[in-house]
Amino acid sequence: MTGVNLVLTAFVAVLCVFLAPTAAGPGIPEIKAYLNGIDTPNMFDATILLVKVGFFSNLALQTIWLLD
């Protein structure tokens, strides 16, 4: 299982580095800035959503495998 976890983590890391580097953080400062009226470009991009969903899917899969 360690090899599968390593591959999944590396895949999400590559997505985050090359596809959407702005998805690396938690997003709370960006949301606070948006709610205060500051225009943040590319915050609600489809690629950022893809990377964030990929990260949380990876985290969920690893948690499920740890519980088995």
N, C-alpha and C. Protein backbone atom coordinates (compact mmCIF):
# COMPACT_ATOMS: atom_id res chain seq x y z
N MET A 1 0.80 -1.20 0.00
CA MET A 1 0.00 0.00 0.00
C MET A 1 0.85 1.26 0.00
N THR A 2 2.06 1.17 0.52
CA THR A 2 2.91 2.36 0.58
C THR A 2 3.24 2.87 -0.81
N GLY A 3 3.45 1.97 -1.74
CA GLY A 3 3.76 2.38 -3.11
C GLY A 3 2.59 3.10 -3.77
N VAL A 4 1.38 2.62 -3.51
CA VAL A 4 0.19 3.26 -4.07
C VAL A 4 0.02 4.65 -3.48
N ASN A 5 0.22 4.78 -2.17
CA ASN A 5 0.12 6.08 -1.52
C ASN A 5 1.16 7.05 -2.07
N LEU A 6 2.37 6.56 -2.30
CA LEU A 6 3.42 7.40 -2.84
C LEU A 6 3.08 7.89 -4.25
N VAL A 7 2.54 7.00 -5.07
CA VAL A 7 2.16 7.38 -6.43
C VAL A 7 1.03 8.40 -6.42
N LEU A 8 0.02 8.18 -5.60
CA LEU A 8 -1.09 9.12 -5.53
C LEU A 8 -0.63 10.49 -5.03
N THR A 9 0.22 10.51 -4.02
CA THR A 9 0.72 11.76 -3.47
C THR A 9 1.59 12.49 -4.49
N ALA A 10 2.43 11.75 -5.19
CA ALA A 10 3.28 12.37 -6.21
C ALA A 10 2.44 12.94 -7.34
N PHE A 11 1.38 12.23 -7.72
CA PHE A 11 0.51 12.72 -8.79
C PHE A 11 -0.16 14.04 -8.41
N VAL A 12 -0.68 14.11 -7.19
CA VAL A 12 -1.33 15.34 -6.75
C VAL A 12 -0.31 16.46 -6.59
N ALA A 13 0.90 16.13 -6.14
CA ALA A 13 1.94 17.15 -6.00
C ALA A 13 2.33 17.72 -7.37
N VAL A 14 2.44 16.87 -8.37
CA VAL A 14 2.77 17.33 -9.72
C VAL A 14 1.64 18.21 -10.27
N LEU A 15 0.40 17.82 -10.02
CA LEU A 15 -0.73 18.66 -10.44
C LEU A 15 -0.65 20.03 -9.79
N CYS A 16 -0.33 20.05 -8.51
CA CYS A 16 -0.29 21.31 -7.78
C CYS A 16 0.87 22.18 -8.24
N VAL A 17 2.01 21.60 -8.53
CA VAL A 17 3.18 22.39 -8.93
C VAL A 17 3.04 22.90 -10.35
N PHE A 18 2.60 22.07 -11.27
CA PHE A 18 2.62 22.46 -12.67
C PHE A 18 1.28 22.99 -13.20
N LEU A 19 0.17 22.49 -12.68
CA LEU A 19 -1.12 22.87 -13.22
C LEU A 19 -1.73 24.07 -12.51
N ALA A 20 -1.71 24.07 -11.20
CA ALA A 20 -2.34 25.16 -10.44
C ALA A 20 -1.55 25.45 -9.17
N PRO A 21 -0.47 26.23 -9.27
CA PRO A 21 0.33 26.52 -8.07
C PRO A 21 -0.43 27.31 -7.01
N THR A 22 -1.46 28.03 -7.41
CA THR A 22 -2.23 28.80 -6.42
C THR A 22 -3.10 27.89 -5.55
N ALA A 23 -3.22 26.63 -5.90
CA ALA A 23 -4.00 25.69 -5.09
C ALA A 23 -3.17 25.08 -3.97
N ALA A 24 -1.93 25.50 -3.81
CA ALA A 24 -1.06 24.90 -2.81
C ALA A 24 -1.47 25.25 -1.39
N GLY A 25 -2.03 26.42 -1.19
CA GLY A 25 -2.40 26.84 0.16
C GLY A 25 -3.80 26.40 0.54
N PRO A 26 -4.20 26.73 1.76
CA PRO A 26 -5.53 26.32 2.22
C PRO A 26 -6.66 27.09 1.57
N GLY A 27 -6.40 28.31 1.13
CA GLY A 27 -7.43 29.10 0.46
C GLY A 27 -8.17 30.06 1.36
N ILE A 28 -7.94 30.00 2.66
CA ILE A 28 -8.66 30.88 3.58
C ILE A 28 -8.30 32.35 3.36
N PRO A 29 -7.02 32.71 3.19
CA PRO A 29 -6.72 34.13 2.93
C PRO A 29 -7.36 34.64 1.63
N GLU A 30 -7.42 33.77 0.62
CA GLU A 30 -8.03 34.18 -0.65
C GLU A 30 -9.52 34.41 -0.49
N ILE A 31 -10.18 33.55 0.27
CA ILE A 31 -11.61 33.71 0.51
C ILE A 31 -11.88 34.98 1.31
N LYS A 32 -11.05 35.25 2.33
CA LYS A 32 -11.22 36.47 3.11
C LYS A 32 -11.02 37.71 2.24
N ALA A 33 -10.03 37.67 1.36
CA ALA A 33 -9.80 38.80 0.46
C ALA A 33 -10.98 38.97 -0.49
N TYR A 34 -11.51 37.88 -1.00
CA TYR A 34 -12.66 37.94 -1.91
C TYR A 34 -13.88 38.51 -1.21
N LEU A 35 -14.11 38.09 0.03
CA LEU A 35 -15.25 38.60 0.78
C LEU A 35 -15.10 40.08 1.14
N ASN A 36 -13.87 40.56 1.21
CA ASN A 36 -13.63 41.98 1.47
C ASN A 36 -13.66 42.82 0.20
N GLY A 37 -13.92 42.21 -0.93
CA GLY A 37 -14.08 42.95 -2.17
C GLY A 37 -12.83 43.07 -3.03
N ILE A 38 -11.78 42.36 -2.69
CA ILE A 38 -10.54 42.41 -3.47
C ILE A 38 -10.63 41.39 -4.59
N ASP A 39 -10.34 41.83 -5.81
CA ASP A 39 -10.40 40.93 -6.97
C ASP A 39 -9.16 40.05 -6.99
N THR A 40 -9.36 38.76 -6.88
CA THR A 40 -8.25 37.81 -6.94
C THR A 40 -8.41 36.99 -8.22
N PRO A 41 -7.55 37.22 -9.20
CA PRO A 41 -7.69 36.51 -10.47
C PRO A 41 -7.41 35.02 -10.33
N ASN A 42 -8.13 34.24 -11.08
CA ASN A 42 -7.97 32.78 -11.17
C ASN A 42 -8.24 32.06 -9.86
N MET A 43 -9.00 32.67 -8.96
CA MET A 43 -9.27 32.00 -7.69
C MET A 43 -10.32 30.90 -7.85
N PHE A 44 -11.29 31.12 -8.70
CA PHE A 44 -12.35 30.13 -8.90
C PHE A 44 -12.19 29.44 -10.25
N ASP A 45 -10.96 29.11 -10.59
CA ASP A 45 -10.66 28.44 -11.85
C ASP A 45 -10.99 26.94 -11.75
N ALA A 46 -11.29 26.34 -12.89
CA ALA A 46 -11.60 24.91 -12.91
C ALA A 46 -10.37 24.07 -12.57
N THR A 47 -9.18 24.55 -12.95
CA THR A 47 -7.97 23.77 -12.65
C THR A 47 -7.69 23.75 -11.15
N ILE A 48 -7.97 24.85 -10.47
CA ILE A 48 -7.77 24.88 -9.02
C ILE A 48 -8.75 23.92 -8.35
N LEU A 49 -9.98 23.92 -8.82
CA LEU A 49 -10.97 22.99 -8.29
C LEU A 49 -10.53 21.54 -8.52
N LEU A 50 -10.01 21.26 -9.69
CA LEU A 50 -9.54 19.91 -10.01
C LEU A 50 -8.42 19.47 -9.07
N VAL A 51 -7.47 20.36 -8.83
CA VAL A 51 -6.35 20.02 -7.95
C VAL A 51 -6.81 19.85 -6.51
N LYS A 52 -7.70 20.73 -6.04
CA LYS A 52 -8.20 20.61 -4.67
C LYS A 52 -9.02 19.33 -4.49
N VAL A 53 -9.85 18.99 -5.44
CA VAL A 53 -10.63 17.75 -5.36
C VAL A 53 -9.70 16.54 -5.42
N GLY A 54 -8.67 16.61 -6.25
CA GLY A 54 -7.69 15.52 -6.32
C GLY A 54 -6.96 15.34 -5.01
N PHE A 55 -6.62 16.45 -4.36
CA PHE A 55 -5.93 16.36 -3.07
C PHE A 55 -6.81 15.70 -2.02
N PHE A 56 -8.05 16.16 -1.92
CA PHE A 56 -8.93 15.60 -0.89
C PHE A 56 -9.34 14.17 -1.20
N SER A 57 -9.43 13.82 -2.48
CA SER A 57 -9.69 12.42 -2.84
C SER A 57 -8.52 11.54 -2.44
N ASN A 58 -7.32 12.03 -2.68
CA ASN A 58 -6.12 11.31 -2.28
C ASN A 58 -6.08 11.12 -0.77
N LEU A 59 -6.39 12.16 -0.04
CA LEU A 59 -6.40 12.08 1.42
C LEU A 59 -7.44 11.07 1.91
N ALA A 60 -8.61 11.08 1.30
CA ALA A 60 -9.67 10.15 1.69
C ALA A 60 -9.28 8.71 1.39
N LEU A 61 -8.68 8.48 0.22
CA LEU A 61 -8.25 7.12 -0.12
C LEU A 61 -7.19 6.61 0.84
N GLN A 62 -6.24 7.46 1.18
CA GLN A 62 -5.20 7.02 2.11
C GLN A 62 -5.78 6.73 3.48
N THR A 63 -6.75 7.51 3.92
CA THR A 63 -7.37 7.27 5.22
C THR A 63 -8.15 5.96 5.22
N ILE A 64 -8.85 5.70 4.14
CA ILE A 64 -9.61 4.44 4.04
C ILE A 64 -8.66 3.25 4.06
N TRP A 65 -7.54 3.36 3.35
CA TRP A 65 -6.59 2.25 3.33
C TRP A 65 -5.92 2.06 4.68
N LEU A 66 -5.73 3.13 5.43
CA LEU A 66 -5.13 2.99 6.76
C LEU A 66 -6.09 2.29 7.73
N LEU A 67 -7.38 2.50 7.54
CA LEU A 67 -8.35 1.90 8.44
C LEU A 67 -8.58 0.42 8.16
N ASP A 68 -8.22 -0.03 6.98
CA ASP A 68 -8.42 -1.46 6.63
C ASP A 68 -7.38 -2.34 7.27
